[in-house]
Amino acid sequence: GPQFNRMMHLFLVCSSAQVPDLQCKAVRGLYAAVGTVDTRVSDMLSVHCCDLSDVRCNNLADMTHNAPAGGWGAPGTFEVERVKLRGGASKPEGTLPSAASIWDGLKSLSELDLGKDSKSDLSGTIPPAIAALAKLEELQLESETLSGTIPPIFDKFPYLEEIRLGDRLSGTLPANFCAGPALTEIDVSVNPDLSGTIPASCFNSRMEKIVISGTRISGTIPAAIGMRKLERFEAAETNLQGTVPPGICVTRAKACPATRCPATLEELDFTRTEDLEGTIPPSCFTLASLKAMSFSRTKVEGTLPPLISLPSLTALDLSNTEMSGSIPDSAGAGMPKVKYLELSRSKFGGTIPASLADIKPLQDGVCKLDGDGSEFKCPLPTGFAKGICTSNNRGEPIDCG
């Protein structure tokens, strides 16, 4: 019965000291190299590696509670699917191992997550031997002390969907960085020494998230961009140049008529990308899905389109740009959820539409319209007398005295 199966399993685990399972040996080798222990067990050698808090296995899943219907398998019949140092592991303070034997022993992994930012002091470089993880679907290696260059191994991962790497990497993104046929998300943000350009293969119809903020990545966005599933494009404080192609805001969940397929883009951020120029595509102002957009401290110019329809938008920042003209009457009804609106220190002017004062979230949010360069005219709409829109960072209301 189940009790007998479990006892047999424990016997086989205890007997595995004579015939070590390569996967458990690799898991313990990885833990030792990255300098972490499972804080929920007193002795890591006293438990099967699949019982560690941040390890998940198939065939032996939930082994401490219920045995599978077929009973526990013999050592070696399971697969280590996930190592995710998030809850049960101590803060990693070692280095990524370079030994091929460790990565070969983990070749069944679908997810490798060795901690994030302040939760990790992982150092060293990304080893080329990690290419042995051919079943990988998610790779997350984020640490303020992880350094070196990114190895050109990303054509070895046919199932990889998500890449997150940081935070002190240097060099460039390898040409095959987005070569994986399943890849949908890349995040290499906050790597101030990372430069070069975004590989052309990253701008594909599968990609959902591109996050490169806080890098020295340069180059231009392809004019013929075709990213119909794009959800986030974050390129704040980068060296990107050129113009924003119209197609960046033409997104659909799949190739079908717009009336039946909702747009997908939720966030567009080019803050402090100071060499970005041209105009913002009109399609960016009629996206039902868009929640946040910033072109602050760029060289974009032009005017706001007559029609603004951004029903999901909560934040819009077009400050410190070369944009000019007036705020269209459609802005108030077209942005009913906006609670952060900044158009200051650009060249906007004219009469402020009364509908802007009717945006309820904005009354308790941040609204900066005037400032150096802006020339809005008085009188102000009813409601602005309460000071919901300000002229500077000190929170002073627009002066119509």
Protein backbone atom coordinates (compact mmCIF):
# COMPACT_ATOMS: atom_id res chain seq x y z
CA GLY A 1 0.00 0.00 0.00
CA PRO A 2 0.99 3.71 0.11
CA GLN A 3 2.69 3.30 3.50
CA PHE A 4 4.84 0.44 2.21
CA ASN A 5 5.72 2.45 -0.92
CA ARG A 6 6.80 5.39 1.18
CA MET A 7 8.96 3.20 3.42
CA MET A 8 10.57 1.67 0.35
CA HIS A 9 11.26 5.13 -1.01
CA LEU A 10 12.93 6.24 2.22
CA PHE A 11 15.01 3.06 2.19
CA LEU A 12 16.10 3.73 -1.38
CA VAL A 13 16.94 7.37 -0.56
CA CYS A 14 19.04 6.27 2.41
CA SER A 15 20.70 3.65 0.24
CA SER A 16 21.57 6.24 -2.39
CA ALA A 17 24.77 7.06 -0.52
CA GLN A 18 26.26 4.01 -2.21
CA VAL A 19 24.90 4.95 -5.66
CA PRO A 20 24.62 8.78 -5.54
CA ASP A 21 21.89 10.26 -7.69
CA LEU A 22 23.54 12.75 -10.03
CA GLN A 23 20.64 15.20 -9.85
CA CYS A 24 20.65 15.47 -6.04
CA LYS A 25 24.43 15.70 -6.10
CA ALA A 26 24.13 18.57 -8.58
CA VAL A 27 21.49 20.35 -6.46
CA ARG A 28 23.69 20.16 -3.38
CA GLY A 29 26.69 21.25 -5.43
CA LEU A 30 24.74 24.28 -6.67
CA TYR A 31 23.64 25.22 -3.15
CA ALA A 32 27.22 24.92 -1.89
CA ALA A 33 28.65 27.00 -4.74
CA VAL A 34 26.15 29.87 -4.48
CA GLY A 35 26.56 29.89 -0.71
CA THR A 36 23.07 29.14 0.51
CA VAL A 37 21.31 26.61 2.73
CA ASP A 38 17.70 25.63 3.26
CA THR A 39 16.71 27.47 6.43
CA ARG A 40 13.82 25.10 7.08
CA VAL A 41 15.86 21.95 7.58
CA SER A 42 18.56 21.35 10.16
CA ASP A 43 20.70 19.16 7.94
CA MET A 44 20.42 19.30 4.16
CA LEU A 45 22.09 15.90 3.84
CA SER A 46 19.36 14.32 5.96
CA VAL A 47 16.60 14.97 3.40
CA HIS A 48 16.10 14.09 -0.22
CA CYS A 49 16.95 17.04 -2.50
CA CYS A 50 13.32 17.10 -3.69
CA ASP A 51 12.27 17.88 -0.08
CA LEU A 52 14.23 21.15 -0.05
CA SER A 53 11.90 24.16 0.22
CA ASP A 54 12.98 25.86 -3.01
CA VAL A 55 13.31 22.72 -5.15
CA ARG A 56 10.51 21.15 -7.13
CA CYS A 57 10.63 17.72 -8.73
CA ASN A 58 8.22 15.79 -10.89
CA ASN A 59 7.39 12.15 -10.13
CA LEU A 60 8.22 12.88 -6.49
CA ALA A 61 6.15 16.06 -6.14
CA ASP A 62 4.67 16.62 -2.67
CA MET A 63 6.65 13.61 -1.41
CA THR A 64 6.35 14.66 2.23
CA HIS A 65 2.56 14.45 2.07
CA ASN A 66 1.16 11.99 -0.45
CA ALA A 67 2.79 9.34 -2.58
CA PRO A 68 1.72 9.15 -6.23
CA ALA A 69 -0.80 6.44 -7.13
CA GLY A 70 1.96 4.33 -8.62
CA GLY A 71 4.17 4.61 -5.55
CA TRP A 72 7.54 6.28 -5.19
CA GLY A 73 10.02 5.65 -7.94
CA ALA A 74 13.55 4.45 -7.40
CA PRO A 75 16.32 7.07 -7.15
CA GLY A 76 16.99 8.50 -10.58
CA THR A 77 13.46 8.14 -11.95
CA PHE A 78 12.48 11.68 -10.83
CA GLU A 79 13.48 14.94 -12.48
CA VAL A 80 14.48 18.16 -10.73
CA GLU A 81 12.24 20.71 -12.47
CA ARG A 82 12.80 23.90 -10.52
CA VAL A 83 15.34 25.58 -8.29
CA LYS A 84 13.91 28.89 -7.12
CA LEU A 85 15.74 30.48 -4.19
CA ARG A 86 12.97 32.73 -2.94
CA GLY A 87 11.44 31.57 0.33
CA GLY A 88 13.26 28.78 2.10
CA ALA A 89 16.87 29.52 1.18
CA SER A 90 19.29 31.84 2.92
CA LYS A 91 20.66 34.79 0.98
CA PRO A 92 23.09 33.52 -1.72
CA GLU A 93 26.58 34.85 -1.04
CA GLY A 94 28.73 32.64 -3.24
CA THR A 95 29.37 32.37 -6.96
CA LEU A 96 27.75 30.72 -9.94
CA PRO A 97 29.55 27.39 -10.44
CA SER A 98 31.43 26.83 -13.67
CA ALA A 99 31.71 23.06 -13.30
CA ALA A 100 29.96 21.30 -16.17
CA SER A 101 29.11 18.35 -13.89
CA ILE A 102 26.70 20.51 -11.86
CA TRP A 103 24.83 21.86 -14.88
CA ASP A 104 24.78 18.45 -16.58
CA GLY A 105 23.15 17.06 -13.45
CA LEU A 106 20.45 19.73 -13.64
CA LYS A 107 19.59 19.34 -17.31
CA SER A 108 15.95 18.63 -16.48
CA LEU A 109 15.44 22.11 -14.99
CA SER A 110 12.64 24.19 -16.48
CA GLU A 111 13.12 27.10 -14.04
CA LEU A 112 16.29 28.50 -12.48
CA ASP A 113 15.88 31.49 -10.18
CA LEU A 114 18.79 32.26 -7.87
CA GLY A 115 17.35 35.25 -6.08
CA LYS A 116 16.75 38.87 -6.94
CA ASP A 117 18.59 42.10 -6.20
CA SER A 118 18.74 42.77 -2.45
CA LYS A 119 17.91 39.11 -1.75
CA SER A 120 21.08 37.94 -3.45
CA ASP A 121 24.80 38.65 -3.15
CA LEU A 122 25.57 36.15 -5.88
CA SER A 123 28.84 37.01 -7.61
CA GLY A 124 30.96 35.68 -10.42
CA THR A 125 29.98 35.41 -14.08
CA ILE A 126 27.38 33.52 -16.10
CA PRO A 127 29.10 30.22 -17.05
CA PRO A 128 28.80 28.95 -20.64
CA ALA A 129 28.17 25.48 -19.18
CA ILE A 130 24.69 26.62 -18.22
CA ALA A 131 23.80 25.85 -21.84
CA ALA A 132 23.32 22.25 -20.69
CA LEU A 133 19.89 23.28 -19.31
CA ALA A 134 18.17 22.65 -22.64
CA LYS A 135 14.71 22.28 -21.05
CA LEU A 136 14.88 25.68 -19.36
CA GLU A 137 11.76 27.87 -19.61
CA GLU A 138 12.69 30.61 -17.15
CA LEU A 139 16.16 31.95 -16.29
CA GLN A 140 16.48 34.55 -13.55
CA LEU A 141 19.94 35.57 -12.36
CA GLU A 142 19.73 38.98 -10.69
CA SER A 143 22.32 40.21 -8.23
CA GLU A 144 24.15 43.48 -7.63
CA THR A 145 27.43 41.58 -7.65
CA LEU A 146 26.93 39.35 -10.71
CA SER A 147 29.32 40.64 -13.37
CA GLY A 148 31.09 39.79 -16.60
CA THR A 149 29.68 39.40 -20.07
CA ILE A 150 26.67 37.44 -21.31
CA PRO A 151 27.82 34.26 -23.07
CA PRO A 152 26.47 33.58 -26.59
CA ILE A 153 24.56 30.46 -25.62
CA PHE A 154 20.94 31.47 -26.08
CA ASP A 155 20.34 29.47 -29.23
CA LYS A 156 20.61 26.37 -27.01
CA PHE A 157 17.29 26.92 -25.23
CA PRO A 158 14.34 25.89 -27.44
CA TYR A 159 11.82 26.24 -24.59
CA LEU A 160 13.13 29.38 -22.87
CA GLU A 161 10.36 31.96 -22.39
CA GLU A 162 11.78 34.46 -19.91
CA ILE A 163 15.29 35.89 -19.30
CA ARG A 164 16.14 38.22 -16.40
CA LEU A 165 19.81 39.06 -15.87
CA GLY A 166 21.63 41.64 -13.78
CA ASP A 167 22.87 43.85 -12.24
CA ARG A 168 26.53 44.50 -13.05
CA LEU A 169 26.85 42.80 -16.41
CA SER A 170 29.01 44.38 -19.10
CA GLY A 171 29.71 43.96 -22.79
CA THR A 172 26.83 43.60 -25.23
CA LEU A 173 23.80 41.43 -25.79
CA PRO A 174 24.96 38.48 -27.91
CA ALA A 175 23.50 38.23 -31.39
CA ASN A 176 21.63 35.05 -30.46
CA PHE A 177 20.16 36.50 -27.25
CA CYS A 178 16.60 36.28 -28.64
CA ALA A 179 17.17 33.24 -30.85
CA GLY A 180 15.00 30.93 -28.75
CA PRO A 181 11.74 30.15 -30.61
CA ALA A 182 9.68 30.35 -27.39
CA LEU A 183 11.16 33.55 -25.92
CA THR A 184 8.62 36.21 -24.89
CA GLU A 185 10.31 38.28 -22.14
CA ILE A 186 13.76 39.80 -21.69
CA ASP A 187 14.85 41.97 -18.77
CA VAL A 188 18.45 43.21 -18.56
CA SER A 189 17.62 46.45 -16.76
CA VAL A 190 19.93 48.19 -14.28
CA ASN A 191 23.14 46.96 -15.90
CA PRO A 192 24.87 50.34 -16.34
CA ASP A 193 27.87 48.84 -18.16
CA LEU A 194 25.81 46.89 -20.68
CA SER A 195 26.03 48.49 -24.14
CA GLY A 196 25.65 47.64 -27.80
CA THR A 197 22.29 47.28 -29.50
CA ILE A 198 19.16 45.17 -29.14
CA PRO A 199 19.53 42.20 -31.52
CA ALA A 200 17.08 42.44 -34.43
CA SER A 201 15.66 39.04 -33.54
CA CYS A 202 14.23 40.51 -30.31
CA PHE A 203 11.72 42.56 -32.29
CA ASN A 204 9.53 39.62 -33.23
CA SER A 205 5.83 38.88 -33.14
CA ARG A 206 6.12 36.67 -30.03
CA MET A 207 7.82 39.20 -27.76
CA GLU A 208 5.72 40.51 -24.87
CA LYS A 209 8.23 42.39 -22.69
CA ILE A 210 11.48 44.19 -23.45
CA VAL A 211 13.03 45.88 -20.40
CA ILE A 212 16.43 47.54 -20.89
CA SER A 213 16.13 50.58 -18.58
CA GLY A 214 19.30 51.73 -16.85
CA THR A 215 21.72 50.43 -19.48
CA ARG A 216 23.91 52.03 -22.15
CA ILE A 217 22.17 50.09 -24.92
CA SER A 218 21.96 52.23 -28.07
CA GLY A 219 20.81 51.93 -31.65
CA THR A 220 17.36 52.43 -33.10
CA ILE A 221 14.02 50.64 -32.99
CA PRO A 222 13.31 49.05 -36.39
CA ALA A 223 10.85 51.03 -38.51
CA ALA A 224 9.06 47.85 -39.57
CA ILE A 225 8.46 46.69 -36.03
CA GLY A 226 5.84 43.94 -35.80
CA MET A 227 5.32 43.14 -32.13
CA ARG A 228 1.61 42.40 -31.98
CA LYS A 229 1.81 40.85 -28.46
CA LEU A 230 3.95 43.57 -26.85
CA GLU A 231 2.90 44.43 -23.28
CA ARG A 232 5.87 46.40 -21.91
CA PHE A 233 8.67 48.33 -23.57
CA GLU A 234 10.83 49.98 -20.91
CA ALA A 235 13.89 51.83 -22.17
CA ALA A 236 14.31 54.60 -19.60
CA GLU A 237 17.79 56.08 -19.21
CA THR A 238 19.30 54.33 -22.22
CA ASN A 239 21.19 55.54 -25.29
CA LEU A 240 18.54 54.60 -27.83
CA GLN A 241 18.39 56.99 -30.77
CA GLY A 242 16.21 57.84 -33.73
CA THR A 243 12.42 57.93 -33.74
CA VAL A 244 9.61 55.84 -32.33
CA PRO A 245 8.11 53.74 -35.15
CA PRO A 246 4.31 53.93 -35.58
CA GLY A 247 4.01 50.17 -35.24
CA ILE A 248 5.12 50.10 -31.60
CA CYS A 249 1.59 51.00 -30.48
CA VAL A 250 -0.22 48.75 -32.93
CA THR A 251 -0.57 45.61 -30.84
CA ARG A 252 -3.17 42.88 -30.84
CA ALA A 253 -3.45 39.65 -28.91
CA LYS A 254 -3.41 37.77 -32.21
CA ALA A 255 -3.78 38.40 -35.91
CA CYS A 256 -7.47 39.17 -36.26
CA PRO A 257 -9.78 42.19 -36.73
CA ALA A 258 -9.30 44.91 -34.14
CA THR A 259 -12.98 44.75 -33.21
CA ARG A 260 -12.50 41.27 -31.78
CA CYS A 261 -8.92 41.43 -30.48
CA PRO A 262 -7.94 43.79 -27.66
CA ALA A 263 -4.65 45.68 -27.72
CA THR A 264 -1.94 44.38 -25.39
CA LEU A 265 0.51 47.25 -24.75
CA GLU A 266 0.36 48.42 -21.12
CA GLU A 267 3.59 50.34 -20.50
CA LEU A 268 5.82 52.48 -22.69
CA ASP A 269 8.73 54.21 -20.95
CA PHE A 270 11.49 56.24 -22.61
CA THR A 271 12.22 58.57 -19.67
CA ARG A 272 15.64 60.25 -19.95
CA THR A 273 16.41 58.58 -23.27
CA GLU A 274 17.72 61.93 -24.39
CA ASP A 275 18.61 61.11 -28.01
CA LEU A 276 15.11 59.91 -28.88
CA GLU A 277 13.43 62.33 -31.30
CA GLY A 278 10.64 62.63 -33.84
CA THR A 279 6.96 62.50 -32.88
CA ILE A 280 4.91 60.14 -30.75
CA PRO A 281 2.73 57.99 -33.04
CA PRO A 282 -0.96 59.01 -32.82
CA SER A 283 -1.84 55.36 -32.26
CA CYS A 284 -0.17 55.59 -28.82
CA PHE A 285 -2.98 57.92 -27.72
CA THR A 286 -5.82 55.53 -28.63
CA LEU A 287 -4.79 52.33 -26.87
CA ALA A 288 -7.40 50.85 -24.57
CA SER A 289 -4.77 48.73 -22.81
CA LEU A 290 -2.13 51.42 -22.10
CA LYS A 291 -1.62 52.15 -18.39
CA ALA A 292 1.57 54.25 -18.33
CA MET A 293 3.51 56.26 -20.91
CA SER A 294 6.54 58.51 -20.48
CA PHE A 295 8.68 60.41 -22.96
CA SER A 296 10.02 62.80 -20.30
CA ARG A 297 13.45 64.31 -21.02
CA THR A 298 13.55 63.21 -24.63
CA LYS A 299 13.68 65.29 -27.83
CA VAL A 300 10.27 64.26 -29.10
CA GLU A 301 8.25 67.05 -30.67
CA GLY A 302 4.89 67.61 -32.30
CA THR A 303 1.45 68.08 -30.75
CA LEU A 304 -1.14 66.00 -28.95
CA PRO A 305 -3.65 64.45 -31.38
CA PRO A 306 -7.25 65.75 -31.41
CA LEU A 307 -8.53 62.40 -30.17
CA ILE A 308 -7.20 60.95 -26.93
CA SER A 309 -8.78 57.66 -25.86
CA LEU A 310 -6.77 56.00 -23.09
CA PRO A 311 -9.38 54.52 -20.72
CA SER A 312 -6.83 52.46 -18.73
CA LEU A 313 -4.13 55.13 -18.43
CA THR A 314 -3.00 56.06 -14.92
CA ALA A 315 0.25 57.95 -15.66
CA LEU A 316 1.32 60.23 -18.52
CA ASP A 317 4.60 62.16 -18.47
CA LEU A 318 5.50 64.37 -21.44
CA SER A 319 7.53 66.90 -19.45
CA ASN A 320 10.85 68.34 -20.61
CA THR A 321 10.21 67.60 -24.28
CA GLU A 322 9.94 69.71 -27.44
CA MET A 323 6.20 69.07 -27.70
CA SER A 324 3.90 72.04 -28.13
CA GLY A 325 0.30 73.00 -28.84
CA SER A 326 -2.76 72.75 -26.63
CA ILE A 327 -4.42 69.98 -24.66
CA PRO A 328 -7.36 68.67 -26.74
CA ASP A 329 -10.89 68.77 -25.34
CA SER A 330 -11.00 64.96 -25.51
CA ALA A 331 -8.29 64.62 -22.85
CA GLY A 332 -10.58 64.69 -19.81
CA ALA A 333 -13.06 62.06 -20.94
CA GLY A 334 -10.32 60.14 -22.71
CA MET A 335 -8.19 59.65 -19.57
CA PRO A 336 -10.72 58.99 -16.78
CA LYS A 337 -8.27 56.99 -14.60
CA VAL A 338 -5.17 59.16 -14.85
CA LYS A 339 -3.71 60.19 -11.49
CA TYR A 340 -0.27 61.34 -12.63
CA LEU A 341 -0.15 63.93 -15.40
CA GLU A 342 2.94 65.97 -16.15
CA LEU A 343 3.31 68.28 -19.15
CA SER A 344 5.54 70.88 -17.49
CA ARG A 345 8.74 72.32 -18.92
CA SER A 346 7.68 71.54 -22.46
CA LYS A 347 6.11 73.99 -24.92
CA PHE A 348 2.44 73.29 -24.37
CA GLY A 349 0.07 76.21 -24.10
CA GLY A 350 -3.40 77.47 -24.87
CA THR A 351 -6.53 77.08 -22.80
CA ILE A 352 -6.77 74.17 -20.43
CA PRO A 353 -9.92 72.15 -21.23
CA ALA A 354 -12.55 72.13 -18.50
CA SER A 355 -12.87 68.35 -18.74
CA LEU A 356 -9.42 67.95 -17.20
CA ALA A 357 -10.73 69.20 -13.86
CA ASP A 358 -13.34 66.43 -13.87
CA ILE A 359 -10.85 63.57 -13.68
CA LYS A 360 -11.46 62.36 -10.13
CA PRO A 361 -8.24 60.36 -9.61
CA LEU A 362 -6.25 63.44 -10.64
CA GLN A 363 -7.76 65.49 -7.82
CA ASP A 364 -5.84 63.39 -5.31
CA GLY A 365 -2.90 62.67 -7.59
CA VAL A 366 -0.13 64.68 -9.26
CA CYS A 367 -0.81 67.19 -12.02
CA LYS A 368 1.95 69.46 -13.33
CA LEU A 369 1.07 71.47 -16.40
CA ASP A 370 2.95 74.73 -16.25
CA GLY A 371 6.59 75.59 -15.78
CA ASP A 372 9.55 76.79 -17.82
CA GLY A 373 8.51 76.92 -21.45
CA SER A 374 4.81 76.18 -21.00
CA GLU A 375 2.33 78.97 -21.71
CA PHE A 376 -1.15 78.02 -20.55
CA LYS A 377 -3.73 80.79 -20.60
CA CYS A 378 -6.12 82.00 -17.93
CA PRO A 379 -8.82 81.70 -16.76
CA LEU A 380 -8.43 78.21 -15.38
CA PRO A 381 -11.31 75.73 -15.52
CA THR A 382 -13.57 75.50 -12.50
CA GLY A 383 -11.98 73.06 -10.10
CA PHE A 384 -8.42 74.13 -10.78
CA ALA A 385 -8.85 76.82 -8.15
CA LYS A 386 -8.48 74.02 -5.61
CA GLY A 387 -4.90 73.64 -6.75
CA ILE A 388 -5.15 70.17 -8.25
CA CYS A 389 -2.69 71.16 -10.97
CA THR A 390 0.60 72.76 -10.04
CA SER A 391 3.31 74.77 -11.69
CA ASN A 392 6.42 73.35 -10.01
CA ASN A 393 7.77 70.66 -7.73
CA ARG A 394 6.84 72.69 -4.65
CA GLY A 395 3.16 72.06 -5.31
CA GLU A 396 2.25 75.69 -5.99
CA PRO A 397 -0.95 76.16 -8.06
CA ILE A 398 -0.87 77.81 -11.47
CA ASP A 399 -0.95 81.55 -10.92
CA CYS A 400 -3.72 83.37 -12.73
CA GLY A 401 -3.53 86.45 -10.56
